């Protein structure tokens, strides 16, 4: 697997996902929180597939992304 600075692409995706989730919880604006959190969740879903299908990671973050999208697009809180 290709590495950048000794870190695999899979790990980079995982770190980016983690950073997205952490950053989202620093937001005061709920809409921004949901947008950034959704991006982090989507990255975690990708990461789950890159880990040879880690279903708990995929299912939990996929569900959270769908809930965020519901509130962003339908409920519009």
PDB file of N, CA and C in Angstrom:
ATOM      1  N   UNK A   1       0.844  -1.177   0.000  1.00  0.00           N
ATOM      2  CA  UNK A   1       0.000   0.000   0.000  1.00  0.00           C
ATOM      3  C   UNK A   1       0.891   1.243   0.000  1.00  0.00           C
ATOM      4  N   UNK A   2       0.478   2.246  -0.747  1.00  0.00           N
ATOM      5  CA  UNK A   2       1.245   3.476  -0.848  1.00  0.00           C
ATOM      6  C   UNK A   2       1.229   4.234   0.471  1.00  0.00           C
ATOM      7  N   UNK A   3       2.360   4.825   0.822  1.00  0.00           N
ATOM      8  CA  UNK A   3       2.469   5.588   2.062  1.00  0.00           C
ATOM      9  C   UNK A   3       2.924   7.001   1.780  1.00  0.00           C
ATOM     10  N   UNK A   4       2.444   7.914   2.586  1.00  0.00           N
ATOM     11  CA  UNK A   4       2.868   9.314   2.549  1.00  0.00           C
ATOM     12  C   UNK A   4       3.346   9.634   3.950  1.00  0.00           C
ATOM     13  N   UNK A   5       4.624  10.006   4.072  1.00  0.00           N
ATOM     14  CA  UNK A   5       5.241  10.257   5.382  1.00  0.00           C
ATOM     15  C   UNK A   5       5.111   9.042   6.297  1.00  0.00           C
ATOM     16  N   UNK A   6       5.161   7.849   5.730  1.00  0.00           N
ATOM     17  CA  UNK A   6       5.088   6.629   6.513  1.00  0.00           C
ATOM     18  C   UNK A   6       3.690   6.243   6.968  1.00  0.00           C
ATOM     19  N   UNK A   7       2.673   6.954   6.463  1.00  0.00           N
ATOM     20  CA  UNK A   7       1.282   6.682   6.838  1.00  0.00           C
ATOM     21  C   UNK A   7       0.530   6.255   5.590  1.00  0.00           C
ATOM     22  N   UNK A   8      -0.223   5.156   5.688  1.00  0.00           N
ATOM     23  CA  UNK A   8      -0.953   4.646   4.527  1.00  0.00           C
ATOM     24  C   UNK A   8      -2.127   5.565   4.189  1.00  0.00           C
ATOM     25  N   UNK A   9      -2.592   5.466   2.958  1.00  0.00           N
ATOM     26  CA  UNK A   9      -3.743   6.246   2.505  1.00  0.00           C
ATOM     27  C   UNK A   9      -4.961   5.939   3.388  1.00  0.00           C
ATOM     28  N   UNK A  10      -5.131   4.670   3.747  1.00  0.00           N
ATOM     29  CA  UNK A  10      -6.248   4.280   4.615  1.00  0.00           C
ATOM     30  C   UNK A  10      -6.180   5.022   5.940  1.00  0.00           C
ATOM     31  N   UNK A  11      -4.996   5.080   6.529  1.00  0.00           N
ATOM     32  CA  UNK A  11      -4.850   5.806   7.791  1.00  0.00           C
ATOM     33  C   UNK A  11      -5.123   7.302   7.625  1.00  0.00           C
ATOM     34  N   UNK A  12      -4.670   7.877   6.509  1.00  0.00           N
ATOM     35  CA  UNK A  12      -4.930   9.305   6.253  1.00  0.00           C
ATOM     36  C   UNK A  12      -6.439   9.575   6.215  1.00  0.00           C
ATOM     37  N   UNK A  13      -7.187   8.685   5.564  1.00  0.00           N
ATOM     38  CA  UNK A  13      -8.641   8.845   5.506  1.00  0.00           C
ATOM     39  C   UNK A  13      -9.218   8.777   6.920  1.00  0.00           C
ATOM     40  N   UNK A  14      -8.736   7.825   7.722  1.00  0.00           N
ATOM     41  CA  UNK A  14      -9.193   7.705   9.102  1.00  0.00           C
ATOM     42  C   UNK A  14      -8.880   8.947   9.918  1.00  0.00           C
ATOM     43  N   UNK A  15      -7.675   9.483   9.772  1.00  0.00           N
ATOM     44  CA  UNK A  15      -7.309  10.709  10.491  1.00  0.00           C
ATOM     45  C   UNK A  15      -8.153  11.899  10.036  1.00  0.00           C
ATOM     46  N   UNK A  16      -8.420  11.993   8.740  1.00  0.00           N
ATOM     47  CA  UNK A  16      -9.254  13.085   8.224  1.00  0.00           C
ATOM     48  C   UNK A  16     -10.675  12.972   8.770  1.00  0.00           C
ATOM     49  N   UNK A  17     -11.194  11.754   8.822  1.00  0.00           N
ATOM     50  CA  UNK A  17     -12.533  11.531   9.367  1.00  0.00           C
ATOM     51  C   UNK A  17     -12.583  11.934  10.833  1.00  0.00           C
ATOM     52  N   UNK A  18     -11.584  11.520  11.598  1.00  0.00           N
ATOM     53  CA  UNK A  18     -11.511  11.856  13.014  1.00  0.00           C
ATOM     54  C   UNK A  18     -11.443  13.372  13.207  1.00  0.00           C
ATOM     55  N   UNK A  19     -10.626  14.040  12.400  1.00  0.00           N
ATOM     56  CA  UNK A  19     -10.494  15.489  12.503  1.00  0.00           C
ATOM     57  C   UNK A  19     -11.820  16.176  12.184  1.00  0.00           C
ATOM     58  N   UNK A  20     -12.515  15.690  11.170  1.00  0.00           N
ATOM     59  CA  UNK A  20     -13.814  16.272  10.822  1.00  0.00           C
ATOM     60  C   UNK A  20     -14.807  16.183  11.964  1.00  0.00           C
ATOM     61  N   UNK A  21     -14.873  15.021  12.607  1.00  0.00           N
ATOM     62  CA  UNK A  21     -15.797  14.857  13.731  1.00  0.00           C
ATOM     63  C   UNK A  21     -15.397  15.744  14.893  1.00  0.00           C
ATOM     64  N   UNK A  22     -14.113  15.773  15.219  1.00  0.00           N
ATOM     65  CA  UNK A  22     -13.659  16.602  16.334  1.00  0.00           C
ATOM     66  C   UNK A  22     -13.924  18.080  16.071  1.00  0.00           C
ATOM     67  N   UNK A  23     -13.608  18.542  14.887  1.00  0.00           N
ATOM     68  CA  UNK A  23     -13.831  19.949  14.539  1.00  0.00           C
ATOM     69  C   UNK A  23     -15.313  20.284  14.585  1.00  0.00           C
ATOM     70  N   UNK A  24     -16.167  19.365  14.145  1.00  0.00           N
ATOM     71  CA  UNK A  24     -17.608  19.649  14.113  1.00  0.00           C
ATOM     72  C   UNK A  24     -18.142  19.972  15.504  1.00  0.00           C
ATOM     73  N   UNK A  25     -17.592  19.350  16.524  1.00  0.00           N
ATOM     74  CA  UNK A  25     -18.098  19.578  17.873  1.00  0.00           C
ATOM     75  C   UNK A  25     -17.580  20.863  18.509  1.00  0.00           C
ATOM     76  N   UNK A  26     -16.742  21.599  17.794  1.00  0.00           N
ATOM     77  CA  UNK A  26     -16.320  22.914  18.280  1.00  0.00           C
ATOM     78  C   UNK A  26     -17.222  24.025  17.734  1.00  0.00           C
ATOM     79  N   UNK A  27     -18.122  23.672  16.836  1.00  0.00           N
ATOM     80  CA  UNK A  27     -18.995  24.644  16.192  1.00  0.00           C
ATOM     81  C   UNK A  27     -20.140  25.074  17.110  1.00  0.00           C
ATOM     82  N   UNK A  28     -20.422  26.365  17.114  1.00  0.00           N
ATOM     83  CA  UNK A  28     -21.576  26.864  17.861  1.00  0.00           C
ATOM     84  C   UNK A  28     -22.836  26.830  16.998  1.00  0.00           C
ATOM     85  N   UNK A  29     -22.658  27.003  15.709  1.00  0.00           N
ATOM     86  CA  UNK A  29     -23.775  26.983  14.761  1.00  0.00           C
ATOM     87  C   UNK A  29     -24.113  25.517  14.450  1.00  0.00           C
ATOM     88  N   UNK A  30     -25.323  25.104  14.781  1.00  0.00           N
ATOM     89  CA  UNK A  30     -25.730  23.709  14.615  1.00  0.00           C
ATOM     90  C   UNK A  30     -25.674  23.294  13.148  1.00  0.00           C
ATOM     91  N   UNK A  31     -26.019  24.181  12.242  1.00  0.00           N
ATOM     92  CA  UNK A  31     -25.984  23.832  10.809  1.00  0.00           C
ATOM     93  C   UNK A  31     -24.552  23.504  10.366  1.00  0.00           C
ATOM     94  N   UNK A  32     -23.597  24.353  10.765  1.00  0.00           N
ATOM     95  CA  UNK A  32     -22.194  24.080  10.426  1.00  0.00           C
ATOM     96  C   UNK A  32     -21.725  22.781  11.070  1.00  0.00           C
ATOM     97  N   UNK A  33     -22.140  22.558  12.325  1.00  0.00           N
ATOM     98  CA  UNK A  33     -21.794  21.323  13.012  1.00  0.00           C
ATOM     99  C   UNK A  33     -22.263  20.122  12.202  1.00  0.00           C
ATOM    100  N   UNK A  34     -23.516  20.151  11.758  1.00  0.00           N
ATOM    101  CA  UNK A  34     -24.067  19.018  11.001  1.00  0.00           C
ATOM    102  C   UNK A  34     -23.367  18.826   9.657  1.00  0.00           C
ATOM    103  N   UNK A  35     -23.024  19.913   8.985  1.00  0.00           N
ATOM    104  CA  UNK A  35     -22.340  19.807   7.688  1.00  0.00           C
ATOM    105  C   UNK A  35     -20.970  19.166   7.855  1.00  0.00           C
ATOM    106  N   UNK A  36     -20.174  19.679   8.785  1.00  0.00           N
ATOM    107  CA  UNK A  36     -18.825  19.150   8.985  1.00  0.00           C
ATOM    108  C   UNK A  36     -18.878  17.736   9.554  1.00  0.00           C
ATOM    109  N   UNK A  37     -19.823  17.481  10.455  1.00  0.00           N
ATOM    110  CA  UNK A  37     -19.983  16.143  11.015  1.00  0.00           C
ATOM    111  C   UNK A  37     -20.361  15.142   9.926  1.00  0.00           C
ATOM    112  N   UNK A  38     -21.212  15.552   9.003  1.00  0.00           N
ATOM    113  CA  UNK A  38     -21.603  14.679   7.891  1.00  0.00           C
ATOM    114  C   UNK A  38     -20.396  14.334   7.021  1.00  0.00           C
ATOM    115  N   UNK A  39     -19.557  15.311   6.754  1.00  0.00           N
ATOM    116  CA  UNK A  39     -18.336  15.059   5.969  1.00  0.00           C
ATOM    117  C   UNK A  39     -17.449  14.057   6.700  1.00  0.00           C
ATOM    118  N   UNK A  40     -17.282  14.243   8.011  1.00  0.00           N
ATOM    119  CA  UNK A  40     -16.495  13.298   8.804  1.00  0.00           C
ATOM    120  C   UNK A  40     -17.084  11.901   8.777  1.00  0.00           C
ATOM    121  N   UNK A  41     -18.421  11.815   8.881  1.00  0.00           N
ATOM    122  CA  UNK A  41     -19.084  10.506   8.851  1.00  0.00           C
ATOM    123  C   UNK A  41     -18.898   9.812   7.502  1.00  0.00           C
ATOM    124  N   UNK A  42     -19.020  10.575   6.436  1.00  0.00           N
ATOM    125  CA  UNK A  42     -18.828  10.003   5.096  1.00  0.00           C
ATOM    126  C   UNK A  42     -17.389   9.490   4.948  1.00  0.00           C
ATOM    127  N   UNK A  43     -16.426  10.256   5.465  1.00  0.00           N
ATOM    128  CA  UNK A  43     -15.043   9.792   5.426  1.00  0.00           C
ATOM    129  C   UNK A  43     -14.871   8.513   6.247  1.00  0.00           C
ATOM    130  N   UNK A  44     -15.578   8.421   7.387  1.00  0.00           N
ATOM    131  CA  UNK A  44     -15.503   7.196   8.185  1.00  0.00           C
ATOM    132  C   UNK A  44     -16.130   6.014   7.457  1.00  0.00           C
ATOM    133  N   UNK A  45     -17.182   6.244   6.684  1.00  0.00           N
ATOM    134  CA  UNK A  45     -17.771   5.160   5.891  1.00  0.00           C
ATOM    135  C   UNK A  45     -16.753   4.676   4.851  1.00  0.00           C
ATOM    136  N   UNK A  46     -16.107   5.613   4.184  1.00  0.00           N
ATOM    137  CA  UNK A  46     -15.062   5.253   3.216  1.00  0.00           C
ATOM    138  C   UNK A  46     -13.944   4.488   3.914  1.00  0.00           C
ATOM    139  N   UNK A  47     -13.531   4.981   5.075  1.00  0.00           N
ATOM    140  CA  UNK A  47     -12.494   4.327   5.877  1.00  0.00           C
ATOM    141  C   UNK A  47     -12.906   2.904   6.242  1.00  0.00           C
ATOM    142  N   UNK A  48     -14.162   2.724   6.621  1.00  0.00           N
ATOM    143  CA  UNK A  48     -14.665   1.392   6.961  1.00  0.00           C
ATOM    144  C   UNK A  48     -14.541   0.419   5.805  1.00  0.00           C
ATOM    145  N   UNK A  49     -14.823   0.883   4.602  1.00  0.00           N
ATOM    146  CA  UNK A  49     -14.665   0.017   3.431  1.00  0.00           C
ATOM    147  C   UNK A  49     -13.189  -0.234   3.122  1.00  0.00           C
ATOM    148  N   UNK A  50     -12.352   0.760   3.356  1.00  0.00           N
ATOM    149  CA  UNK A  50     -10.917   0.590   3.121  1.00  0.00           C
ATOM    150  C   UNK A  50     -10.301  -0.403   4.107  1.00  0.00           C
ATOM    151  N   UNK A  51     -10.932  -0.587   5.250  1.00  0.00           N
ATOM    152  CA  UNK A  51     -10.452  -1.543   6.251  1.00  0.00           C
ATOM    153  C   UNK A  51     -10.966  -2.953   5.976  1.00  0.00           C
ATOM    154  N   UNK A  52     -11.290  -3.240   4.748  1.00  0.00           N
ATOM    155  CA  UNK A  52     -11.823  -4.555   4.369  1.00  0.00           C
ATOM    156  C   UNK A  52     -13.192  -4.781   4.995  1.00  0.00           C
ATOM    157  N   UNK A  53     -14.020  -3.775   4.944  1.00  0.00           N
ATOM    158  CA  UNK A  53     -15.415  -3.802   5.370  1.00  0.00           C
ATOM    159  C   UNK A  53     -15.568  -3.955   6.882  1.00  0.00           C
ATOM    160  N   UNK A  54     -15.372  -2.859   7.584  1.00  0.00           N
ATOM    161  CA  UNK A  54     -15.588  -2.789   9.032  1.00  0.00           C
ATOM    162  C   UNK A  54     -17.029  -2.317   9.252  1.00  0.00           C
ATOM    163  N   UNK A  55     -17.971  -3.268   9.296  1.00  0.00           N
ATOM    164  CA  UNK A  55     -19.394  -2.938   9.328  1.00  0.00           C
ATOM    165  C   UNK A  55     -19.816  -2.034  10.484  1.00  0.00           C
ATOM    166  N   UNK A  56     -19.316  -2.208  11.705  1.00  0.00           N
ATOM    167  CA  UNK A  56     -19.738  -1.288  12.772  1.00  0.00           C
ATOM    168  C   UNK A  56     -19.393   0.172  12.460  1.00  0.00           C
ATOM    169  N   UNK A  57     -18.246   0.403  11.861  1.00  0.00           N
ATOM    170  CA  UNK A  57     -17.834   1.757  11.478  1.00  0.00           C
ATOM    171  C   UNK A  57     -18.736   2.278  10.361  1.00  0.00           C
ATOM    172  N   UNK A  58     -18.996   1.446   9.377  1.00  0.00           N
ATOM    173  CA  UNK A  58     -19.812   1.829   8.221  1.00  0.00           C
ATOM    174  C   UNK A  58     -21.253   2.108   8.636  1.00  0.00           C
ATOM    175  N   UNK A  59     -21.850   1.201   9.394  1.00  0.00           N
ATOM    176  CA  UNK A  59     -23.267   1.342   9.759  1.00  0.00           C
ATOM    177  C   UNK A  59     -23.489   2.528  10.682  1.00  0.00           C
ATOM    178  N   UNK A  60     -22.670   2.665  11.727  1.00  0.00           N
ATOM    179  CA  UNK A  60     -22.889   3.754  12.684  1.00  0.00           C
ATOM    180  C   UNK A  60     -22.696   5.119  12.042  1.00  0.00           C
ATOM    181  N   UNK A  61     -21.640   5.281  11.269  1.00  0.00           N
ATOM    182  CA  UNK A  61     -21.389   6.583  10.654  1.00  0.00           C
ATOM    183  C   UNK A  61     -22.329   6.853   9.483  1.00  0.00           C
ATOM    184  N   UNK A  62     -22.733   5.814   8.772  1.00  0.00           N
ATOM    185  CA  UNK A  62     -23.737   5.991   7.718  1.00  0.00           C
ATOM    186  C   UNK A  62     -25.059   6.463   8.301  1.00  0.00           C
ATOM    187  N   UNK A  63     -25.455   5.883   9.434  1.00  0.00           N
ATOM    188  CA  UNK A  63     -26.704   6.281  10.089  1.00  0.00           C
ATOM    189  C   UNK A  63     -26.623   7.721  10.587  1.00  0.00           C
ATOM    190  N   UNK A  64     -25.510   8.100  11.188  1.00  0.00           N
ATOM    191  CA  UNK A  64     -25.353   9.478  11.672  1.00  0.00           C
ATOM    192  C   UNK A  64     -25.381  10.454  10.501  1.00  0.00           C
ATOM    193  N   UNK A  65     -24.737  10.104   9.397  1.00  0.00           N
ATOM    194  CA  UNK A  65     -24.752  10.980   8.212  1.00  0.00           C
ATOM    195  C   UNK A  65     -26.182  11.158   7.701  1.00  0.00           C
ATOM    196  N   UNK A  66     -26.958  10.076   7.667  1.00  0.00           N
ATOM    197  CA  UNK A  66     -28.353  10.175   7.220  1.00  0.00           C
ATOM    198  C   UNK A  66     -29.192  11.045   8.158  1.00  0.00           C
ATOM    199  N   UNK A  67     -28.969  10.919   9.457  1.00  0.00           N
ATOM    200  CA  UNK A  67     -29.693  11.759  10.422  1.00  0.00           C
ATOM    201  C   UNK A  67     -29.322  13.227  10.219  1.00  0.00           C
ATOM    202  N   UNK A  68     -28.038  13.501  10.049  1.00  0.00           N
ATOM    203  CA  UNK A  68     -27.613  14.877   9.787  1.00  0.00           C
ATOM    204  C   UNK A  68     -28.247  15.415   8.512  1.00  0.00           C
ATOM    205  N   UNK A  69     -28.251  14.611   7.458  1.00  0.00           N
ATOM    206  CA  UNK A  69     -28.844  15.054   6.189  1.00  0.00           C
ATOM    207  C   UNK A  69     -30.340  15.308   6.332  1.00  0.00           C
ATOM    208  N   UNK A  70     -31.016  14.483   7.127  1.00  0.00           N
ATOM    209  CA  UNK A  70     -32.445  14.693   7.392  1.00  0.00           C
ATOM    210  C   UNK A  70     -32.658  16.079   7.991  1.00  0.00           C
ATOM    211  N   UNK A  71     -31.888  16.408   9.019  1.00  0.00           N
ATOM    212  CA  UNK A  71     -32.056  17.712   9.674  1.00  0.00           C
ATOM    213  C   UNK A  71     -31.581  18.871   8.796  1.00  0.00           C
ATOM    214  N   UNK A  72     -30.591  18.639   7.943  1.00  0.00           N
ATOM    215  CA  UNK A  72     -30.106  19.704   7.064  1.00  0.00           C
ATOM    216  C   UNK A  72     -31.051  19.966   5.898  1.00  0.00           C
ATOM    217  N   UNK A  73     -31.614  18.899   5.328  1.00  0.00           N
ATOM    218  CA  UNK A  73     -32.390  19.049   4.093  1.00  0.00           C
ATOM    219  C   UNK A  73     -33.904  19.044   4.286  1.00  0.00           C
ATOM    220  N   UNK A  74     -34.399  18.322   5.271  1.00  0.00           N
ATOM    221  CA  UNK A  74     -35.850  18.185   5.442  1.00  0.00           C
ATOM    222  C   UNK A  74     -36.357  19.002   6.622  1.00  0.00           C
ATOM    223  N   UNK A  75     -35.793  18.755   7.779  1.00  0.00           N
ATOM    224  CA  UNK A  75     -36.241  19.415   9.000  1.00  0.00           C
ATOM    225  C   UNK A  75     -35.775  20.865   9.059  1.00  0.00           C
ATOM    226  N   UNK A  76     -34.575  21.127   8.575  1.00  0.00           N
ATOM    227  CA  UNK A  76     -33.956  22.471   8.507  1.00  0.00           C
ATOM    228  C   UNK A  76     -34.025  23.194   9.852  1.00  0.00           C
ATOM    229  N   UNK A  77     -33.390  22.593  10.868  1.00  0.00           N
ATOM    230  CA  UNK A  77     -33.380  23.235  12.189  1.00  0.00           C
ATOM    231  C   UNK A  77     -32.377  24.343  12.302  1.00  0.00           C
TER     232      UNK A  77
END
